[in-house]
Amino acid sequence: MNITAFDIAQRFVGIKEVGGSVDNPQIMAMLNLDMKWPKNDEVPWCSAFVNYVCWLLRLPRSKDLRARSWLQVGSNVHLDDTRTGDIVILKRGKGDQPGPEVIDAPGHVGFYAGRFGSFIEVLGGNQSDTVKVSRYPVTNLLGVRRLG
């Protein structure tokens, strides 16, 4: 049996931030895997989630909490050739956002879960403060990366 990063990521569906002064220890473990500065789970943790899943499988990782850092990991894949479990990196925020050449800018990262018309389905962390599948406009896509 070949277990994929997507298989592992699915096991975390439902993990969510805890409101108030309490933090989810699982999310804190994800955040602190590579960066020691996060003191609570109320910070962007989508990249921490992807890094954690990849760490569990000894796959290449960005080792960075910036979502766009994943644009430098693995190999580039065209959207039409994307497979379930590939890493998708998206723009985040309103208005004009820089392109994929800018790593230090708002973004979001997760695992490709499918396509629904003009939307990409992403299995990721920190999607409404939880791990779940969400839809994002294809126009927000910065890149798709394949590991291994």
C-alpha atoms as a PDB file:
ATOM      1  CA  MET A   1       0.000   0.000   0.000  1.00  0.00           C
ATOM      2  CA  ASN A   2       1.370   3.384  -1.020  1.00  0.00           C
ATOM      3  CA  ILE A   3       0.303   6.102   1.433  1.00  0.00           C
ATOM      4  CA  THR A   4       0.377   9.608  -0.045  1.00  0.00           C
ATOM      5  CA  ALA A   5       0.605  13.052   1.514  1.00  0.00           C
ATOM      6  CA  PHE A   6      -3.036  13.564   0.535  1.00  0.00           C
ATOM      7  CA  ASP A   7      -4.014  10.391   2.444  1.00  0.00           C
ATOM      8  CA  ILE A   8      -2.252  11.685   5.566  1.00  0.00           C
ATOM      9  CA  ALA A   9      -3.662  15.209   5.150  1.00  0.00           C
ATOM     10  CA  GLN A  10      -7.194  13.785   5.043  1.00  0.00           C
ATOM     11  CA  ARG A  11      -6.650  12.278   8.493  1.00  0.00           C
ATOM     12  CA  PHE A  12      -6.363  15.816   9.908  1.00  0.00           C
ATOM     13  CA  VAL A  13      -9.711  17.056   8.547  1.00  0.00           C
ATOM     14  CA  GLY A  14     -11.571  18.727  11.416  1.00  0.00           C
ATOM     15  CA  ILE A  15      -8.478  19.815  13.363  1.00  0.00           C
ATOM     16  CA  LYS A  16      -9.138  23.460  14.249  1.00  0.00           C
ATOM     17  CA  GLU A  17      -7.961  26.403  16.266  1.00  0.00           C
ATOM     18  CA  VAL A  18      -9.277  26.753  19.777  1.00  0.00           C
ATOM     19  CA  GLY A  19     -10.751  30.147  20.607  1.00  0.00           C
ATOM     20  CA  GLY A  20      -9.542  32.339  23.425  1.00  0.00           C
ATOM     21  CA  SER A  21      -6.333  31.799  25.340  1.00  0.00           C
ATOM     22  CA  VAL A  22      -6.206  28.028  24.713  1.00  0.00           C
ATOM     23  CA  ASP A  23      -4.286  26.681  21.704  1.00  0.00           C
ATOM     24  CA  ASN A  24      -4.652  23.415  19.844  1.00  0.00           C
ATOM     25  CA  PRO A  25      -1.490  21.419  20.675  1.00  0.00           C
ATOM     26  CA  GLN A  26      -1.560  19.662  17.293  1.00  0.00           C
ATOM     27  CA  ILE A  27      -1.471  22.987  15.431  1.00  0.00           C
ATOM     28  CA  MET A  28       1.245  24.260  17.784  1.00  0.00           C
ATOM     29  CA  ALA A  29       3.329  21.159  16.955  1.00  0.00           C
ATOM     30  CA  MET A  30       2.901  21.940  13.246  1.00  0.00           C
ATOM     31  CA  LEU A  31       3.880  25.579  13.743  1.00  0.00           C
ATOM     32  CA  ASN A  32       6.883  24.807  15.927  1.00  0.00           C
ATOM     33  CA  LEU A  33       8.298  22.066  13.681  1.00  0.00           C
ATOM     34  CA  ASP A  34      10.435  24.610  11.818  1.00  0.00           C
ATOM     35  CA  MET A  35       9.801  27.985  13.472  1.00  0.00           C
ATOM     36  CA  LYS A  36       9.935  28.662  17.199  1.00  0.00           C
ATOM     37  CA  TRP A  37       8.340  32.125  17.229  1.00  0.00           C
ATOM     38  CA  PRO A  38       4.616  31.213  17.072  1.00  0.00           C
ATOM     39  CA  LYS A  39       3.213  31.433  20.597  1.00  0.00           C
ATOM     40  CA  ASN A  40      -0.393  30.600  19.668  1.00  0.00           C
ATOM     41  CA  ASP A  41      -2.474  28.990  16.934  1.00  0.00           C
ATOM     42  CA  GLU A  42      -4.002  32.274  15.810  1.00  0.00           C
ATOM     43  CA  VAL A  43      -1.333  32.872  13.161  1.00  0.00           C
ATOM     44  CA  PRO A  44      -1.360  31.740   9.516  1.00  0.00           C
ATOM     45  CA  TRP A  45      -0.606  28.007   9.637  1.00  0.00           C
ATOM     46  CA  CYS A  46      -1.423  26.670   6.167  1.00  0.00           C
ATOM     47  CA  SER A  47       2.263  26.185   5.333  1.00  0.00           C
ATOM     48  CA  ALA A  48       2.897  24.611   8.735  1.00  0.00           C
ATOM     49  CA  PHE A  49       0.207  22.048   7.952  1.00  0.00           C
ATOM     50  CA  VAL A  50       1.728  21.139   4.566  1.00  0.00           C
ATOM     51  CA  ASN A  51       5.225  21.016   6.084  1.00  0.00           C
ATOM     52  CA  TYR A  52       4.003  18.748   8.883  1.00  0.00           C
ATOM     53  CA  VAL A  53       2.307  16.284   6.533  1.00  0.00           C
ATOM     54  CA  CYS A  54       5.399  16.186   4.318  1.00  0.00           C
ATOM     55  CA  TRP A  55       7.651  15.769   7.363  1.00  0.00           C
ATOM     56  CA  LEU A  56       5.630  12.724   8.446  1.00  0.00           C
ATOM     57  CA  LEU A  57       6.353  11.100   5.067  1.00  0.00           C
ATOM     58  CA  ARG A  58       9.936  12.389   4.743  1.00  0.00           C
ATOM     59  CA  LEU A  59       9.036  14.324   1.615  1.00  0.00           C
ATOM     60  CA  PRO A  60      10.751  17.546   0.524  1.00  0.00           C
ATOM     61  CA  ARG A  61       9.438  20.587   2.430  1.00  0.00           C
ATOM     62  CA  SER A  62       9.824  24.344   2.487  1.00  0.00           C
ATOM     63  CA  LYS A  63      10.613  24.499   6.238  1.00  0.00           C
ATOM     64  CA  ASP A  64       9.031  27.956   6.159  1.00  0.00           C
ATOM     65  CA  LEU A  65       5.709  29.354   7.375  1.00  0.00           C
ATOM     66  CA  ARG A  66       5.297  31.542   4.276  1.00  0.00           C
ATOM     67  CA  ALA A  67       2.833  29.877   1.895  1.00  0.00           C
ATOM     68  CA  ARG A  68       4.683  31.114  -1.173  1.00  0.00           C
ATOM     69  CA  SER A  69       7.885  29.378   0.000  1.00  0.00           C
ATOM     70  CA  TRP A  70       6.367  26.239  -1.553  1.00  0.00           C
ATOM     71  CA  LEU A  71       6.939  27.777  -4.994  1.00  0.00           C
ATOM     72  CA  GLN A  72      10.592  26.741  -4.496  1.00  0.00           C
ATOM     73  CA  VAL A  73       9.967  23.084  -3.556  1.00  0.00           C
ATOM     74  CA  GLY A  74       9.502  20.146  -5.915  1.00  0.00           C
ATOM     75  CA  SER A  75       8.920  20.504  -9.619  1.00  0.00           C
ATOM     76  CA  ASN A  76       6.553  22.798 -11.478  1.00  0.00           C
ATOM     77  CA  VAL A  77       3.338  21.253 -12.852  1.00  0.00           C
ATOM     78  CA  HIS A  78       0.851  22.824 -15.258  1.00  0.00           C
ATOM     79  CA  LEU A  79      -2.697  23.039 -13.871  1.00  0.00           C
ATOM     80  CA  ASP A  80      -4.003  20.718 -16.615  1.00  0.00           C
ATOM     81  CA  ASP A  81      -1.539  18.020 -15.447  1.00  0.00           C
ATOM     82  CA  THR A  82      -2.236  18.415 -11.731  1.00  0.00           C
ATOM     83  CA  ARG A  83      -2.914  15.284  -9.693  1.00  0.00           C
ATOM     84  CA  THR A  84      -4.672  14.853  -6.371  1.00  0.00           C
ATOM     85  CA  GLY A  85      -2.147  15.662  -3.643  1.00  0.00           C
ATOM     86  CA  ASP A  86       0.045  18.051  -5.632  1.00  0.00           C
ATOM     87  CA  ILE A  87       0.866  21.258  -3.765  1.00  0.00           C
ATOM     88  CA  VAL A  88      -1.096  24.331  -4.875  1.00  0.00           C
ATOM     89  CA  ILE A  89       0.014  27.846  -4.015  1.00  0.00           C
ATOM     90  CA  LEU A  90      -2.505  30.661  -4.225  1.00  0.00           C
ATOM     91  CA  LYS A  91      -2.618  34.442  -3.920  1.00  0.00           C
ATOM     92  CA  ARG A  92      -4.338  35.728  -0.799  1.00  0.00           C
ATOM     93  CA  GLY A  93      -5.924  39.071  -0.155  1.00  0.00           C
ATOM     94  CA  LYS A  94      -7.775  41.710  -2.091  1.00  0.00           C
ATOM     95  CA  GLY A  95      -6.558  43.917  -4.922  1.00  0.00           C
ATOM     96  CA  ASP A  96      -3.363  43.623  -6.890  1.00  0.00           C
ATOM     97  CA  GLN A  97      -1.132  40.875  -5.551  1.00  0.00           C
ATOM     98  CA  PRO A  98       2.389  40.161  -6.808  1.00  0.00           C
ATOM     99  CA  GLY A  99       3.033  37.141  -8.984  1.00  0.00           C
ATOM    100  CA  PRO A 100       4.883  33.936  -8.135  1.00  0.00           C
ATOM    101  CA  GLU A 101       8.275  35.608  -8.361  1.00  0.00           C
ATOM    102  CA  VAL A 102       7.604  37.293  -4.981  1.00  0.00           C
ATOM    103  CA  ILE A 103       7.918  34.822  -2.105  1.00  0.00           C
ATOM    104  CA  ASP A 104       7.439  37.287   0.747  1.00  0.00           C
ATOM    105  CA  ALA A 105       3.818  38.232   0.021  1.00  0.00           C
ATOM    106  CA  PRO A 106       0.410  36.978   1.170  1.00  0.00           C
ATOM    107  CA  GLY A 107      -0.469  33.492  -0.031  1.00  0.00           C
ATOM    108  CA  HIS A 108      -2.123  30.221   0.791  1.00  0.00           C
ATOM    109  CA  VAL A 109      -0.943  26.636   0.283  1.00  0.00           C
ATOM    110  CA  GLY A 110      -2.540  23.216   0.436  1.00  0.00           C
ATOM    111  CA  PHE A 111      -3.026  19.927  -1.364  1.00  0.00           C
ATOM    112  CA  TYR A 112      -4.881  19.779  -4.676  1.00  0.00           C
ATOM    113  CA  ALA A 113      -8.195  17.990  -4.140  1.00  0.00           C
ATOM    114  CA  GLY A 114      -9.836  18.597  -7.506  1.00  0.00           C
ATOM    115  CA  ARG A 115     -11.324  21.151  -9.836  1.00  0.00           C
ATOM    116  CA  PHE A 116     -14.874  22.402  -9.993  1.00  0.00           C
ATOM    117  CA  GLY A 117     -15.390  24.664 -13.008  1.00  0.00           C
ATOM    118  CA  SER A 118     -13.367  27.827 -12.445  1.00  0.00           C
ATOM    119  CA  PHE A 119     -12.470  26.784  -8.902  1.00  0.00           C
ATOM    120  CA  ILE A 120      -9.663  24.684  -7.431  1.00  0.00           C
ATOM    121  CA  GLU A 121     -10.512  22.484  -4.468  1.00  0.00           C
ATOM    122  CA  VAL A 122      -7.788  22.551  -1.821  1.00  0.00           C
ATOM    123  CA  LEU A 123      -7.305  20.343   1.221  1.00  0.00           C
ATOM    124  CA  GLY A 124      -5.456  22.587   3.607  1.00  0.00           C
ATOM    125  CA  GLY A 125      -4.977  23.959   7.068  1.00  0.00           C
ATOM    126  CA  ASN A 126      -6.107  27.346   8.308  1.00  0.00           C
ATOM    127  CA  GLN A 127      -9.108  27.347   5.982  1.00  0.00           C
ATOM    128  CA  SER A 128     -11.669  29.072   8.212  1.00  0.00           C
ATOM    129  CA  ASP A 129      -9.310  28.139  11.091  1.00  0.00           C
ATOM    130  CA  THR A 130      -9.598  24.405  10.397  1.00  0.00           C
ATOM    131  CA  VAL A 131      -8.299  21.613   8.167  1.00  0.00           C
ATOM    132  CA  LYS A 132     -10.832  21.045   5.409  1.00  0.00           C
ATOM    133  CA  VAL A 133     -11.430  21.173   1.661  1.00  0.00           C
ATOM    134  CA  SER A 134     -12.252  24.645   0.338  1.00  0.00           C
ATOM    135  CA  ARG A 135     -12.717  26.134  -3.133  1.00  0.00           C
ATOM    136  CA  TYR A 136     -10.594  28.966  -4.515  1.00  0.00           C
ATOM    137  CA  PRO A 137     -10.828  30.765  -7.869  1.00  0.00           C
ATOM    138  CA  VAL A 138      -8.388  29.445 -10.478  1.00  0.00           C
ATOM    139  CA  THR A 139      -7.399  33.100 -11.023  1.00  0.00           C
ATOM    140  CA  ASN A 140      -5.721  33.024  -7.572  1.00  0.00           C
ATOM    141  CA  LEU A 141      -3.361  30.208  -8.593  1.00  0.00           C
ATOM    142  CA  LEU A 142       0.332  31.069  -8.398  1.00  0.00           C
ATOM    143  CA  GLY A 143       1.695  27.588  -9.042  1.00  0.00           C
ATOM    144  CA  VAL A 144       1.426  23.846  -8.664  1.00  0.00           C
ATOM    145  CA  ARG A 145       4.330  21.775  -7.382  1.00  0.00           C
ATOM    146  CA  ARG A 146       4.902  18.032  -7.359  1.00  0.00           C
ATOM    147  CA  LEU A 147       7.050  16.417  -4.689  1.00  0.00           C
ATOM    148  CA  GLY A 148       9.252  13.416  -5.343  1.00  0.00           C
END
